[in-house]
Amino acid sequence: MAALLAMQPLVAAWAPDHILRINNATVAADCTERQSVTINGTSPGPTLRVRESDESVWIRVYNDMEAENTTLHWHGISQYGSPFADGTPATSQWPIAPGGYFDYEFKLDPGSAGTYMYHTHVGFSVVTAYGALIVEDKEAPPFEYDDERLVVLGDFYYKSDYNLSSGLLAAPFQWTNDPQALTVNGNAYGECDPAVKTCKSGCHTEVISVEPDRTYRIRVIGATALSFLYMALEDHPGFELIEVDGDYVNKHNASFLEVASGQRYSFLLHTKSVDELRALGKTRFWANLESRWRTTRSYGGWILEYKVDDLLAEGADPNAKVPQLNKTIPLPAEAPFWVMNELTPLDSTQAPPEDSEVSRVILVDGTQLNSGDKAHQKTFWQTHGYQYTEDMPSVPYLIQAYEGGLNIDYDAALANDGYDNTTHSMPIRAGEVVDIVFLNVASPTGTLEAHPWHIHGKHPYVMAYGLGEFSQEAYVAARKNMTAPIKRDTVMGASILYGYLIPLCSLPNLVYAGPEGMAYSNTTIPQGQVAGWTVFRLRADVPGAFMLHCHIQPHFTMGMGTVLLIGMEELPPLPDGFADQYL
């Protein structure tokens, strides 16, 4: 731990490609001030742009906070050859202590171009401490466009990070409730009551400017802590999807977009001509945001603004420059599958490992439990009977492995659906091909929650999903619905909320509950019963200790996570000069 306080660059003559400073600052996304964790003083933090290359990128991260540990995770980056740079406390590294810093160094090999994000991975600071990470193509991208724009979606709470997390761990349990605002690139317009809160002027709805008759790549990042969002754009035909979670897909049109926490998309936007704008009489259009898969709705949005000053000179209505925005663009209710089972990889040679290569099946059974009497009841999540906490084990898994002190019992894991109760992990041998099955299990109230499961390290293929109990017969039948499996690093689960059964699936990798994908009111499922499942297929050729967890921060705080120990017998060597500082 002490070594991290004085981490030295790997080669003294070098300088980091990027420097990020994690600090405390006042954030007022919707005019209501909140003490928050920020990156370089802002939320979101600076957008980092790097290029596919055989060379490493070096990012130095300082912890400028006075009393909080931190790490930074590079969400979606496989970390091939650099598992020590994944940024997870107690799994891949010691946390960065106040006043210290850590040097993250990793490669972005050809084929990794796409949209990613970075965020803190300690406590509840991820609500505001995040930013965009764009990996540019080494050569020309496979789709033509004139320029690109960024849409980073977030949640904004008035409560502090401490109050949010401590309530979740309290007895009695206190839920976070929905966010007070949905942010876009850190902005949201809000009505602040100065009698109750400290208010700040200048907050505004995010405005994204474009020019007519051009094609833009719009990168969308789901940096929400809780919300699962639908998005539609006024007077524009839809979204031409080209990328999902850092992997290119064949063009596919969607009338609206679904984005869960941790997910990323790119779509092509073909802007209107000057004549079309003149006919409509306006140059501003509302992009509507609404939350889904919870019993209450959150609302937000952003403005698409065309930079066409000569429209007014040519006789357009002066009021058309700032029209009354339509904030009620209809968005559909929760519905299964969205368009995700129709997406196919752009690279036609990209395919999952064959069935004959699969050595075993690993079950992941995220389960909600209660303990104590009603007045002192705690609510928490477990996987295979274990509640994950970010301070366990006492020495990070990866550091134990590099020091030769990590004892993995593969036989015990094989006899227990892939889970080793001694290390509280899921060990996988180097080169193994495994199917990881996510099971959505009913809670003590007979309800199911929505879970965007995020896997660190290599992106797996989404093979199938289905209703009810998982079985080989159900899996074989569901595989017939998959045109061509795509890779993802963040996928959704099913939900029944507070007595309402909702089929949570909008992706082929979604787990959902409900016969035939129908929604039923006032329906419950017996506690412990599996109501839906999804199957990932992973070739374990990226060694390291990698988290697998729900990306809804409240659920993760409550314990919904586990660790994959992949190929620990074939870890890459630590960089020269790094061991003394890292171990």
Foldseek 3Di string as FASTA:
>chain_A
DVLQLPDADLDNVDDAPEEKEWEWDWAQQAQFTATAIAIVHFFADDEAEAEADPAKHKYKYAYQYDADWKWKAWFLDQQFQHQLQRTAFLANFPTAGHNGMDIRIGHRHAQQFDKTKMAIHDAQRLQGYMYIYGYHYPDDDPDDFDEAEEWEKEAAARDHSVVQLCQQFFFVHDHPPGGPAIATSSHFHDDDDVVVGNGDPDGDFAEDEDAAQTKYKYKYAQSYLAFWKKKAKPPFQFWFWQDKSRFGWHTDGARIDIDDHSIMTITMGHGHHPVVCQVVLAFKIWMWMWTAQAPDIHTGTHIYGHPDVCSVVVPGDPCRDPDDYDHCDDDDHFFAARCALVIGGPPPVDAFDDPVQADEEAEWEWAWAWDDDNSGIHIFIDTLPDFDDSCPPVHRPLLCLVVVNDDDDQVCCVVRRQADPVRQAREDAAQGKYKYKYFFFAYQQQKTGKFWKFKHHDWWWWQAKDWFDDDPVRSVVRNVSHPGTDTHGIEMEEIAYPQWAAFDHHHRQYWYADPPRDTDGRDGHHGGTTTMMTITIDGQNRAGKIKIAGSNNSNVSRGGIHIYGGNSVDRNDDRPPCVVSTD
